[in-house]
Structure formats: structure tokens, C-alpha cells
Amino acid sequence: MSLYDYCVEKRNGEAFALDQLKGKVLLVVNTATGCGFTPQYEGLEKLYETYHDQGLEVLDFPCNQFAKQAPGTDEEIHEFCTMRYKTQFDQFKKIDVNGENESPVYTWLKEQMPSEDIKGLKNKATMAMISKISDSCKKESDIKWNFTKFLVDREGNVVKRYAPVVDPAEIEKDIKGLL
């Protein structure tokens, strides 16, 4: 299986085949509107605006598994993001990223890149704290919190997984290298 074998749901419930994104560089992110990391939407939008014409797509999957920080309907979440952060990238239907009902796309992503490299004492301490309060995180490869990011190259290979503490601006160099 490859990423391109999967279908996801748009926020309106329509199926979206990921093979439509072949040849693009993808940044796949599980998000939440009520999280301390929510301001990362600004950085994600900046990356999208800067590199979309060169082939970057940001795939936003809202997830309410971490302290219920993505409340509301898919439309309410979309409205919040577009009004507050002026997001233009694709936002899909709310999903689970861990556990019994996790999205098959996230099962695949985690199999390809089961962990992230966390640099810096502060970031390691933050992620250790988050891991303790993340009740949906049962396996080492599970998503620890909102705003975990996966970078996928033009051939559909997962190149890197970034912890929530990694600001989108820190990913820019890796994105440029793939474009």
C-alpha cells in the first residue's frame, strides 16, 4: 500500500482520493482549534502561500482525541481557521489518529515513520509532559498530541515526522529541499 491508495473524507463528507496529489509534496497535520499549538495554523498557512505554486499541499485533519481540543462541527472548525488564520489549504473531516477508530491514513503514516526526533531540552520536557496526559497514546508510534506533522515527498514517501513542538517555520528548509 502507498499513501495514494487511500481515500479520505472532505469536511462535507465527499470522498477524496489521495492519488489526486501524486507529484506533490505533502505536509499532513492533525490539528485542533483549542490547543496551545493552534497558532501554528499561521505558520502552516505561510508555508502553503509561499510554496503551493511550487507543489506543496497542506492536509489538515482536525482531531478531538487530545483533551477534546477540537470541539465543534467540521464546518465550525473550518470557519474558525479561515476567519482567524486565513487558511486556504485543504481541511478534511475530523478523524481519530490513534486507537480503534483511527484513520487508515494515520495507521499507514505511523507505520512509515513511527517516531519523531525531538531536539532541545525544553522540547523534550514538553513532549514528556504531553505524553503523560495523552490518554489516546498507547503505543510508541502513536501520535502524542495535536500538530504532529508528516512530510511526504513527490513519490508518496514519508520523509520526516515532526513533533507538535516543531514550529512550521522550522520545516521550511526540508520542504524546499523536496520541491
N, C-alpha and C. Protein backbone atom coordinates (compact mmCIF):
# COMPACT_ATOMS: atom_id res chain seq x y z
N MET A 1 0.83 -1.19 0.00
CA MET A 1 0.00 0.00 0.00
C MET A 1 0.88 1.26 0.00
N SER A 2 0.38 2.28 -0.63
CA SER A 2 1.04 3.58 -0.57
C SER A 2 -0.01 4.60 -0.14
N LEU A 3 0.45 5.79 0.16
CA LEU A 3 -0.45 6.86 0.56
C LEU A 3 -1.52 7.08 -0.50
N TYR A 4 -1.13 6.89 -1.76
CA TYR A 4 -2.03 7.15 -2.87
C TYR A 4 -3.16 6.12 -3.01
N ASP A 5 -3.10 5.04 -2.24
CA ASP A 5 -4.16 4.03 -2.27
C ASP A 5 -5.33 4.38 -1.37
N TYR A 6 -5.20 5.45 -0.59
CA TYR A 6 -6.23 5.80 0.39
C TYR A 6 -7.16 6.90 -0.10
N CYS A 7 -8.34 6.86 0.47
CA CYS A 7 -9.33 7.92 0.29
C CYS A 7 -9.60 8.51 1.67
N VAL A 8 -9.83 9.79 1.71
CA VAL A 8 -10.21 10.46 2.95
C VAL A 8 -11.51 11.20 2.68
N GLU A 9 -12.11 11.71 3.74
CA GLU A 9 -13.36 12.46 3.58
C GLU A 9 -13.10 13.95 3.70
N LYS A 10 -13.63 14.69 2.73
CA LYS A 10 -13.63 16.14 2.84
C LYS A 10 -14.58 16.51 3.97
N ARG A 11 -14.51 17.72 4.42
CA ARG A 11 -15.36 18.11 5.55
C ARG A 11 -16.84 18.06 5.20
N ASN A 12 -17.18 18.10 3.91
CA ASN A 12 -18.58 18.00 3.50
C ASN A 12 -19.03 16.55 3.32
N GLY A 13 -18.14 15.59 3.60
CA GLY A 13 -18.48 14.17 3.52
C GLY A 13 -18.13 13.51 2.20
N GLU A 14 -17.72 14.28 1.21
CA GLU A 14 -17.33 13.71 -0.08
C GLU A 14 -16.00 12.97 0.04
N ALA A 15 -15.87 11.89 -0.73
CA ALA A 15 -14.62 11.14 -0.76
C ALA A 15 -13.58 11.91 -1.56
N PHE A 16 -12.34 11.83 -1.09
CA PHE A 16 -11.22 12.47 -1.79
C PHE A 16 -10.10 11.44 -1.90
N ALA A 17 -9.80 11.02 -3.12
CA ALA A 17 -8.74 10.04 -3.36
C ALA A 17 -7.38 10.74 -3.32
N LEU A 18 -6.51 10.26 -2.46
CA LEU A 18 -5.20 10.90 -2.30
C LEU A 18 -4.31 10.75 -3.53
N ASP A 19 -4.67 9.83 -4.45
CA ASP A 19 -3.86 9.72 -5.67
C ASP A 19 -3.96 10.98 -6.53
N GLN A 20 -4.93 11.86 -6.22
CA GLN A 20 -5.03 13.15 -6.91
C GLN A 20 -3.85 14.06 -6.57
N LEU A 21 -3.10 13.69 -5.53
CA LEU A 21 -1.98 14.52 -5.07
C LEU A 21 -0.62 13.98 -5.51
N LYS A 22 -0.63 12.97 -6.38
CA LYS A 22 0.65 12.43 -6.89
C LYS A 22 1.47 13.56 -7.49
N GLY A 23 2.77 13.53 -7.19
CA GLY A 23 3.66 14.54 -7.71
C GLY A 23 3.75 15.80 -6.86
N LYS A 24 2.99 15.85 -5.78
CA LYS A 24 3.02 17.00 -4.86
C LYS A 24 3.83 16.65 -3.62
N VAL A 25 4.37 17.66 -2.96
CA VAL A 25 4.96 17.50 -1.63
C VAL A 25 3.84 17.77 -0.65
N LEU A 26 3.67 16.87 0.33
CA LEU A 26 2.56 16.97 1.26
C LEU A 26 3.04 17.19 2.69
N LEU A 27 2.36 18.06 3.40
CA LEU A 27 2.56 18.22 4.83
C LEU A 27 1.22 17.85 5.47
N VAL A 28 1.20 16.70 6.14
CA VAL A 28 -0.03 16.16 6.73
C VAL A 28 0.00 16.46 8.23
N VAL A 29 -1.06 17.10 8.73
CA VAL A 29 -1.07 17.59 10.10
C VAL A 29 -2.40 17.26 10.78
N ASN A 30 -2.33 16.74 12.01
CA ASN A 30 -3.55 16.61 12.82
C ASN A 30 -3.64 17.87 13.69
N THR A 31 -4.79 18.52 13.65
CA THR A 31 -4.92 19.84 14.24
C THR A 31 -6.05 19.91 15.27
N ALA A 32 -6.07 21.02 15.98
CA ALA A 32 -7.13 21.31 16.94
C ALA A 32 -7.23 22.83 17.09
N THR A 33 -8.43 23.31 17.29
CA THR A 33 -8.66 24.75 17.35
C THR A 33 -8.51 25.33 18.75
N GLY A 34 -8.46 24.48 19.78
CA GLY A 34 -8.38 24.98 21.15
C GLY A 34 -7.13 24.54 21.87
N CYS A 35 -6.05 24.41 21.15
CA CYS A 35 -4.78 23.87 21.67
C CYS A 35 -3.75 25.00 21.79
N GLY A 36 -2.79 24.80 22.67
CA GLY A 36 -1.70 25.75 22.79
C GLY A 36 -0.88 25.87 21.51
N PHE A 37 -0.94 24.84 20.66
CA PHE A 37 -0.22 24.85 19.39
C PHE A 37 -1.06 25.41 18.24
N THR A 38 -2.32 25.76 18.50
CA THR A 38 -3.22 26.24 17.44
C THR A 38 -2.63 27.42 16.64
N PRO A 39 -1.87 28.33 17.25
CA PRO A 39 -1.27 29.41 16.45
C PRO A 39 -0.35 28.91 15.33
N GLN A 40 0.00 27.61 15.34
CA GLN A 40 0.80 27.08 14.23
C GLN A 40 0.04 27.14 12.91
N TYR A 41 -1.27 27.30 12.96
CA TYR A 41 -2.03 27.48 11.72
C TYR A 41 -1.44 28.64 10.90
N GLU A 42 -1.00 29.68 11.58
CA GLU A 42 -0.42 30.83 10.89
C GLU A 42 0.82 30.42 10.09
N GLY A 43 1.69 29.64 10.71
CA GLY A 43 2.90 29.17 10.02
C GLY A 43 2.59 28.18 8.92
N LEU A 44 1.59 27.32 9.14
CA LEU A 44 1.19 26.38 8.09
C LEU A 44 0.66 27.13 6.88
N GLU A 45 -0.14 28.16 7.12
CA GLU A 45 -0.68 28.96 6.02
C GLU A 45 0.45 29.70 5.29
N LYS A 46 1.43 30.19 6.03
CA LYS A 46 2.55 30.88 5.38
C LYS A 46 3.31 29.93 4.46
N LEU A 47 3.57 28.71 4.94
CA LEU A 47 4.23 27.72 4.09
C LEU A 47 3.40 27.44 2.83
N TYR A 48 2.10 27.28 3.04
CA TYR A 48 1.20 27.00 1.93
C TYR A 48 1.23 28.14 0.91
N GLU A 49 1.10 29.36 1.38
CA GLU A 49 1.10 30.52 0.47
C GLU A 49 2.43 30.63 -0.29
N THR A 50 3.53 30.36 0.41
CA THR A 50 4.85 30.51 -0.19
C THR A 50 5.15 29.42 -1.21
N TYR A 51 4.75 28.18 -0.94
CA TYR A 51 5.20 27.05 -1.75
C TYR A 51 4.12 26.31 -2.50
N HIS A 52 2.87 26.71 -2.37
CA HIS A 52 1.80 25.98 -3.05
C HIS A 52 2.00 25.96 -4.56
N ASP A 53 2.37 27.08 -5.14
CA ASP A 53 2.56 27.13 -6.60
C ASP A 53 3.72 26.27 -7.07
N GLN A 54 4.62 25.90 -6.14
CA GLN A 54 5.74 25.02 -6.48
C GLN A 54 5.41 23.55 -6.22
N GLY A 55 4.22 23.28 -5.66
CA GLY A 55 3.81 21.89 -5.49
C GLY A 55 3.56 21.43 -4.06
N LEU A 56 3.48 22.34 -3.10
CA LEU A 56 3.20 21.95 -1.72
C LEU A 56 1.70 21.94 -1.46
N GLU A 57 1.24 20.89 -0.79
CA GLU A 57 -0.14 20.83 -0.29
C GLU A 57 -0.07 20.56 1.21
N VAL A 58 -0.89 21.28 1.96
CA VAL A 58 -1.04 21.04 3.40
C VAL A 58 -2.38 20.32 3.58
N LEU A 59 -2.34 19.17 4.24
CA LEU A 59 -3.54 18.38 4.50
C LEU A 59 -3.84 18.46 5.99
N ASP A 60 -4.93 19.11 6.32
CA ASP A 60 -5.31 19.40 7.70
C ASP A 60 -6.41 18.43 8.13
N PHE A 61 -6.09 17.61 9.14
CA PHE A 61 -7.05 16.66 9.69
C PHE A 61 -7.35 17.04 11.14
N PRO A 62 -8.45 17.76 11.39
CA PRO A 62 -8.83 18.05 12.77
C PRO A 62 -9.04 16.76 13.55
N CYS A 63 -8.66 16.80 14.83
CA CYS A 63 -8.75 15.62 15.69
C CYS A 63 -9.10 16.07 17.10
N ASN A 64 -10.08 15.43 17.69
CA ASN A 64 -10.55 15.80 19.02
C ASN A 64 -10.08 14.83 20.10
N GLN A 65 -9.06 14.03 19.81
CA GLN A 65 -8.60 13.00 20.74
C GLN A 65 -7.72 13.51 21.88
N PHE A 66 -7.23 14.70 21.78
CA PHE A 66 -6.28 15.19 22.77
C PHE A 66 -6.92 16.31 23.58
N ALA A 67 -7.40 15.95 24.76
CA ALA A 67 -8.05 16.87 25.70
C ALA A 67 -9.25 17.58 25.07
N LYS A 68 -9.87 16.93 24.10
CA LYS A 68 -11.09 17.47 23.46
C LYS A 68 -10.88 18.91 22.97
N GLN A 69 -9.72 19.14 22.34
CA GLN A 69 -9.35 20.49 21.91
C GLN A 69 -9.78 20.85 20.49
N ALA A 70 -10.57 19.96 19.87
CA ALA A 70 -11.13 20.27 18.55
C ALA A 70 -12.64 20.08 18.60
N PRO A 71 -13.31 20.87 19.45
CA PRO A 71 -14.77 20.73 19.55
C PRO A 71 -15.44 21.35 18.32
N GLY A 72 -16.70 21.11 18.20
CA GLY A 72 -17.45 21.72 17.11
C GLY A 72 -17.55 20.83 15.90
N THR A 73 -18.37 21.27 14.96
CA THR A 73 -18.56 20.55 13.71
C THR A 73 -17.39 20.84 12.78
N ASP A 74 -17.32 20.06 11.71
CA ASP A 74 -16.28 20.29 10.71
C ASP A 74 -16.40 21.69 10.12
N GLU A 75 -17.63 22.14 9.92
CA GLU A 75 -17.85 23.48 9.36
C GLU A 75 -17.44 24.57 10.35
N GLU A 76 -17.74 24.38 11.63
CA GLU A 76 -17.35 25.36 12.65
C GLU A 76 -15.83 25.45 12.76
N ILE A 77 -15.17 24.32 12.69
CA ILE A 77 -13.70 24.30 12.74
C ILE A 77 -13.13 25.03 11.52
N HIS A 78 -13.69 24.74 10.36
CA HIS A 78 -13.22 25.39 9.13
C HIS A 78 -13.43 26.91 9.20
N GLU A 79 -14.59 27.31 9.68
CA GLU A 79 -14.89 28.74 9.80
C GLU A 79 -13.90 29.43 10.75
N PHE A 80 -13.60 28.78 11.87
CA PHE A 80 -12.63 29.33 12.83
C PHE A 80 -11.27 29.53 12.14
N CYS A 81 -10.81 28.51 11.43
CA CYS A 81 -9.48 28.56 10.81
C CYS A 81 -9.40 29.59 9.69
N THR A 82 -10.44 29.66 8.88
CA THR A 82 -10.39 30.61 7.77
C THR A 82 -10.56 32.05 8.25
N MET A 83 -11.36 32.25 9.27
CA MET A 83 -11.54 33.61 9.78
C MET A 83 -10.36 34.07 10.62
N ARG A 84 -9.90 33.22 11.50
CA ARG A 84 -8.84 33.62 12.43
C ARG A 84 -7.45 33.58 11.81
N TYR A 85 -7.18 32.53 11.00
CA TYR A 85 -5.83 32.35 10.45
C TYR A 85 -5.77 32.48 8.93
N LYS A 86 -6.92 32.74 8.31
CA LYS A 86 -6.99 32.92 6.85
C LYS A 86 -6.47 31.71 6.08
N THR A 87 -6.71 30.51 6.62
CA THR A 87 -6.21 29.30 5.96
C THR A 87 -6.91 29.08 4.63
N GLN A 88 -6.12 28.59 3.68
CA GLN A 88 -6.63 28.30 2.34
C GLN A 88 -6.43 26.84 1.95
N PHE A 89 -5.63 26.12 2.72
CA PHE A 89 -5.31 24.72 2.38
C PHE A 89 -6.47 23.80 2.74
N ASP A 90 -6.40 22.58 2.20
CA ASP A 90 -7.47 21.60 2.40
C ASP A 90 -7.61 21.19 3.86
N GLN A 91 -8.84 21.24 4.31
CA GLN A 91 -9.16 20.78 5.67
C GLN A 91 -10.18 19.66 5.51
N PHE A 92 -9.87 18.52 6.08
CA PHE A 92 -10.70 17.35 5.92
C PHE A 92 -11.61 17.14 7.12
N LYS A 93 -12.42 16.11 7.04
CA LYS A 93 -13.35 15.75 8.11
C LYS A 93 -12.56 15.37 9.35
N LYS A 94 -13.10 15.69 10.52
CA LYS A 94 -12.47 15.36 11.80
C LYS A 94 -12.29 13.85 11.90
N ILE A 95 -11.12 13.43 12.38
CA ILE A 95 -10.79 12.00 12.46
C ILE A 95 -10.15 11.67 13.80
N ASP A 96 -9.97 10.36 14.05
CA ASP A 96 -9.12 9.87 15.12
C ASP A 96 -7.78 9.50 14.49
N VAL A 97 -6.70 9.78 15.18
CA VAL A 97 -5.36 9.45 14.67
C VAL A 97 -4.73 8.30 15.44
N ASN A 98 -5.36 7.88 16.53
CA ASN A 98 -4.90 6.76 17.35
C ASN A 98 -6.09 5.87 17.70
N GLY A 99 -5.78 4.63 18.01
CA GLY A 99 -6.79 3.75 18.58
C GLY A 99 -7.65 3.00 17.59
N GLU A 100 -8.69 2.43 18.14
CA GLU A 100 -9.58 1.52 17.43
C GLU A 100 -10.21 2.16 16.18
N ASN A 101 -10.51 3.43 16.23
CA ASN A 101 -11.18 4.10 15.11
C ASN A 101 -10.25 5.03 14.33
N GLU A 102 -8.93 4.81 14.46
CA GLU A 102 -8.00 5.71 13.78
C GLU A 102 -8.14 5.61 12.25
N SER A 103 -7.89 6.72 11.63
CA SER A 103 -7.92 6.79 10.18
C SER A 103 -6.86 5.85 9.59
N PRO A 104 -7.21 5.07 8.57
CA PRO A 104 -6.21 4.21 7.92
C PRO A 104 -5.01 4.99 7.39
N VAL A 105 -5.23 6.23 6.99
CA VAL A 105 -4.11 7.07 6.53
C VAL A 105 -3.10 7.26 7.66
N TYR A 106 -3.59 7.49 8.87
CA TYR A 106 -2.70 7.68 10.00
C TYR A 106 -2.04 6.38 10.44
N THR A 107 -2.74 5.27 10.29
CA THR A 107 -2.11 3.97 10.55
C THR A 107 -0.91 3.81 9.63
N TRP A 108 -1.11 4.12 8.36
CA TRP A 108 -0.05 4.00 7.37
C TRP A 108 1.09 4.98 7.66
N LEU A 109 0.77 6.24 7.93
CA LEU A 109 1.80 7.23 8.22
C LEU A 109 2.67 6.80 9.40
N LYS A 110 2.03 6.31 10.45
CA LYS A 110 2.77 5.90 11.66
C LYS A 110 3.62 4.66 11.40
N GLU A 111 3.17 3.79 10.52
CA GLU A 111 3.99 2.62 10.15
C GLU A 111 5.23 3.06 9.39
N GLN A 112 5.09 4.07 8.55
CA GLN A 112 6.21 4.56 7.75
C GLN A 112 7.23 5.33 8.59
N MET A 113 6.74 6.07 9.58
CA MET A 113 7.61 6.92 10.40
C MET A 113 7.07 6.86 11.83
N PRO A 114 7.51 5.83 12.60
CA PRO A 114 6.92 5.59 13.92
C PRO A 114 7.31 6.57 15.03
N SER A 115 8.28 7.43 14.79
CA SER A 115 8.64 8.38 15.85
C SER A 115 9.25 9.63 15.24
N GLU A 116 9.37 10.64 16.09
CA GLU A 116 9.99 11.88 15.65
C GLU A 116 11.25 12.13 16.47
N ASP A 117 12.17 12.85 15.88
CA ASP A 117 13.40 13.23 16.57
C ASP A 117 13.15 14.57 17.25
N ILE A 118 13.21 14.56 18.57
CA ILE A 118 12.94 15.79 19.33
C ILE A 118 14.26 16.37 19.82
N LYS A 119 14.52 17.60 19.42
CA LYS A 119 15.77 18.27 19.79
C LYS A 119 15.50 19.33 20.86
N GLY A 120 16.45 19.48 21.74
CA GLY A 120 16.37 20.52 22.76
C GLY A 120 15.72 20.05 24.04
N LEU A 121 16.30 20.46 25.14
CA LEU A 121 15.82 20.05 26.47
C LEU A 121 14.38 20.51 26.72
N LYS A 122 14.08 21.75 26.37
CA LYS A 122 12.72 22.27 26.58
C LYS A 122 11.70 21.47 25.79
N ASN A 123 12.00 21.20 24.51
CA ASN A 123 11.09 20.43 23.68
C ASN A 123 10.92 19.01 24.21
N LYS A 124 12.00 18.40 24.65
CA LYS A 124 11.91 17.04 25.21
C LYS A 124 11.06 17.03 26.48
N ALA A 125 11.22 18.04 27.31
CA ALA A 125 10.43 18.12 28.55
C ALA A 125 8.95 18.34 28.22
N THR A 126 8.67 19.21 27.26
CA THR A 126 7.29 19.46 26.85
C THR A 126 6.64 18.19 26.32
N MET A 127 7.35 17.48 25.46
CA MET A 127 6.79 16.25 24.89
C MET A 127 6.64 15.15 25.95
N ALA A 128 7.54 15.09 26.92
CA ALA A 128 7.40 14.11 28.01
C ALA A 128 6.14 14.40 28.81
N MET A 129 5.89 15.66 29.08
CA MET A 129 4.68 16.05 29.81
C MET A 129 3.43 15.73 29.00
N ILE A 130 3.45 16.08 27.73
CA ILE A 130 2.32 15.81 26.85
C ILE A 130 2.03 14.31 26.78
N SER A 131 3.06 13.51 26.65
CA SER A 131 2.88 12.06 26.55
C SER A 131 2.18 11.49 27.77
N LYS A 132 2.42 12.08 28.92
CA LYS A 132 1.80 11.59 30.16
C LYS A 132 0.30 11.91 30.22
N ILE A 133 -0.11 13.00 29.60
CA ILE A 133 -1.53 13.36 29.67
C ILE A 133 -2.31 12.93 28.43
N SER A 134 -1.64 12.38 27.46
CA SER A 134 -2.29 11.95 26.23
C SER A 134 -2.88 10.56 26.43
N ASP A 135 -4.17 10.50 26.72
CA ASP A 135 -4.78 9.21 27.03
C ASP A 135 -5.07 8.35 25.80
N SER A 136 -4.95 8.89 24.60
CA SER A 136 -5.16 8.07 23.40
C SER A 136 -3.84 7.48 22.88
N CYS A 137 -2.75 7.88 23.48
CA CYS A 137 -1.42 7.42 23.06
C CYS A 137 -1.06 6.15 23.83
N LYS A 138 -1.22 5.01 23.18
CA LYS A 138 -0.98 3.71 23.83
C LYS A 138 0.29 3.02 23.36
N LYS A 139 0.68 3.28 22.10
CA LYS A 139 1.85 2.65 21.51
C LYS A 139 2.92 3.71 21.23
N GLU A 140 4.14 3.27 21.16
CA GLU A 140 5.26 4.19 20.90
C GLU A 140 5.05 4.99 19.61
N SER A 141 4.47 4.36 18.60
CA SER A 141 4.30 5.04 17.31
C SER A 141 3.08 5.96 17.28
N ASP A 142 2.24 5.91 18.30
CA ASP A 142 1.03 6.73 18.30
C ASP A 142 1.36 8.22 18.27
N ILE A 143 0.41 8.98 17.74
CA ILE A 143 0.50 10.43 17.75
C ILE A 143 0.38 10.87 19.20
N LYS A 144 1.29 11.74 19.63
CA LYS A 144 1.32 12.15 21.03
C LYS A 144 0.35 13.31 21.32
N TRP A 145 0.14 14.20 20.32
CA TRP A 145 -0.68 15.38 20.57
C TRP A 145 -1.03 16.05 19.24
N ASN A 146 -1.79 17.11 19.34
CA ASN A 146 -2.16 17.91 18.18
C ASN A 146 -0.92 18.51 17.51
N PHE A 147 -1.02 18.71 16.23
CA PHE A 147 0.01 19.36 15.41
C PHE A 147 1.27 18.53 15.24
N THR A 148 1.10 17.21 15.22
CA THR A 148 2.16 16.32 14.74
C THR A 148 2.11 16.42 13.21
N LYS A 149 3.28 16.51 12.59
CA LYS A 149 3.33 16.75 11.16
C LYS A 149 4.14 15.66 10.46
N PHE A 150 3.67 15.24 9.28
CA PHE A 150 4.37 14.29 8.43
C PHE A 150 4.68 14.98 7.11
N LEU A 151 5.94 14.90 6.68
CA LEU A 151 6.34 15.45 5.39
C LEU A 151 6.47 14.29 4.40
N VAL A 152 5.79 14.41 3.28
CA VAL A 152 5.74 13.36 2.26
C VAL A 152 6.28 13.92 0.96
N ASP A 153 7.19 13.16 0.32
CA ASP A 153 7.80 13.64 -0.93
C ASP A 153 6.87 13.43 -2.13
N ARG A 154 7.34 13.84 -3.29
CA ARG A 154 6.53 13.80 -4.52
C ARG A 154 6.16 12.38 -4.96
N GLU A 155 6.89 11.39 -4.45
CA GLU A 155 6.61 9.99 -4.79
C GLU A 155 5.72 9.31 -3.75
N GLY A 156 5.33 10.05 -2.72
CA GLY A 156 4.45 9.49 -1.70
C GLY A 156 5.17 8.83 -0.54
N ASN A 157 6.47 9.07 -0.41
CA ASN A 157 7.26 8.51 0.69
C ASN A 157 7.27 9.48 1.88
N VAL A 158 7.07 8.94 3.08
CA VAL A 158 7.17 9.77 4.28
C VAL A 158 8.65 10.03 4.53
N VAL A 159 9.02 11.28 4.54
CA VAL A 159 10.41 11.69 4.68
C VAL A 159 10.75 12.00 6.13
N LYS A 160 9.80 12.60 6.85
CA LYS A 160 10.08 13.01 8.21
C LYS A 160 8.78 13.19 8.99
N ARG A 161 8.89 12.96 10.30
CA ARG A 161 7.78 13.20 11.23
C ARG A 161 8.25 14.23 12.24
N TYR A 162 7.42 15.24 12.47
CA TYR A 162 7.78 16.33 13.36
C TYR A 162 6.84 16.34 14.56
N ALA A 163 7.42 16.52 15.73
CA ALA A 163 6.64 16.61 16.97
C ALA A 163 5.84 17.92 16.98
N PRO A 164 4.79 17.98 17.80
CA PRO A 164 3.99 19.20 17.90
C PRO A 164 4.81 20.44 18.27
N VAL A 165 5.89 20.27 18.99
CA VAL A 165 6.71 21.41 19.41
C VAL A 165 7.50 22.03 18.27
N VAL A 166 7.54 21.37 17.12
CA VAL A 166 8.28 21.90 15.96
C VAL A 166 7.39 22.90 15.23
N ASP A 167 7.83 24.14 15.20
CA ASP A 167 7.09 25.20 14.52
C ASP A 167 7.17 24.99 13.00
N PRO A 168 6.11 25.29 12.28
CA PRO A 168 6.15 25.12 10.83
C PRO A 168 7.33 25.80 10.14
N ALA A 169 7.77 26.93 10.64
CA ALA A 169 8.92 27.63 10.03
C ALA A 169 10.18 26.76 10.05
N GLU A 170 10.28 25.88 11.04
CA GLU A 170 11.46 25.00 11.14
C GLU A 170 11.44 23.90 10.08
N ILE A 171 10.31 23.71 9.43
CA ILE A 171 10.16 22.66 8.41
C ILE A 171 10.47 23.20 7.01
N GLU A 172 10.51 24.50 6.89
CA GLU A 172 10.66 25.14 5.58
C GLU A 172 11.85 24.62 4.78
N LYS A 173 12.98 24.48 5.43
CA LYS A 173 14.19 24.01 4.74
C LYS A 173 13.97 22.62 4.15
N ASP A 174 13.32 21.73 4.90
CA ASP A 174 13.06 20.37 4.41
C ASP A 174 12.08 20.41 3.22
N ILE A 175 11.08 21.27 3.30
CA ILE A 175 10.11 21.41 2.21
C ILE A 175 10.82 21.90 0.95
N LYS A 176 11.63 22.94 1.09
CA LYS A 176 12.36 23.49 -0.06
C LYS A 176 13.23 22.42 -0.71
N GLY A 177 13.84 21.57 0.12
CA GLY A 177 14.68 20.50 -0.41
C GLY A 177 13.91 19.49 -1.25
N LEU A 178 12.63 19.31 -0.96
CA LEU A 178 11.81 18.35 -1.71
C LEU A 178 11.16 18.98 -2.95
N LEU A 179 11.03 20.29 -2.94
CA LEU A 179 10.40 20.96 -4.08
C LEU A 179 11.40 21.12 -5.21
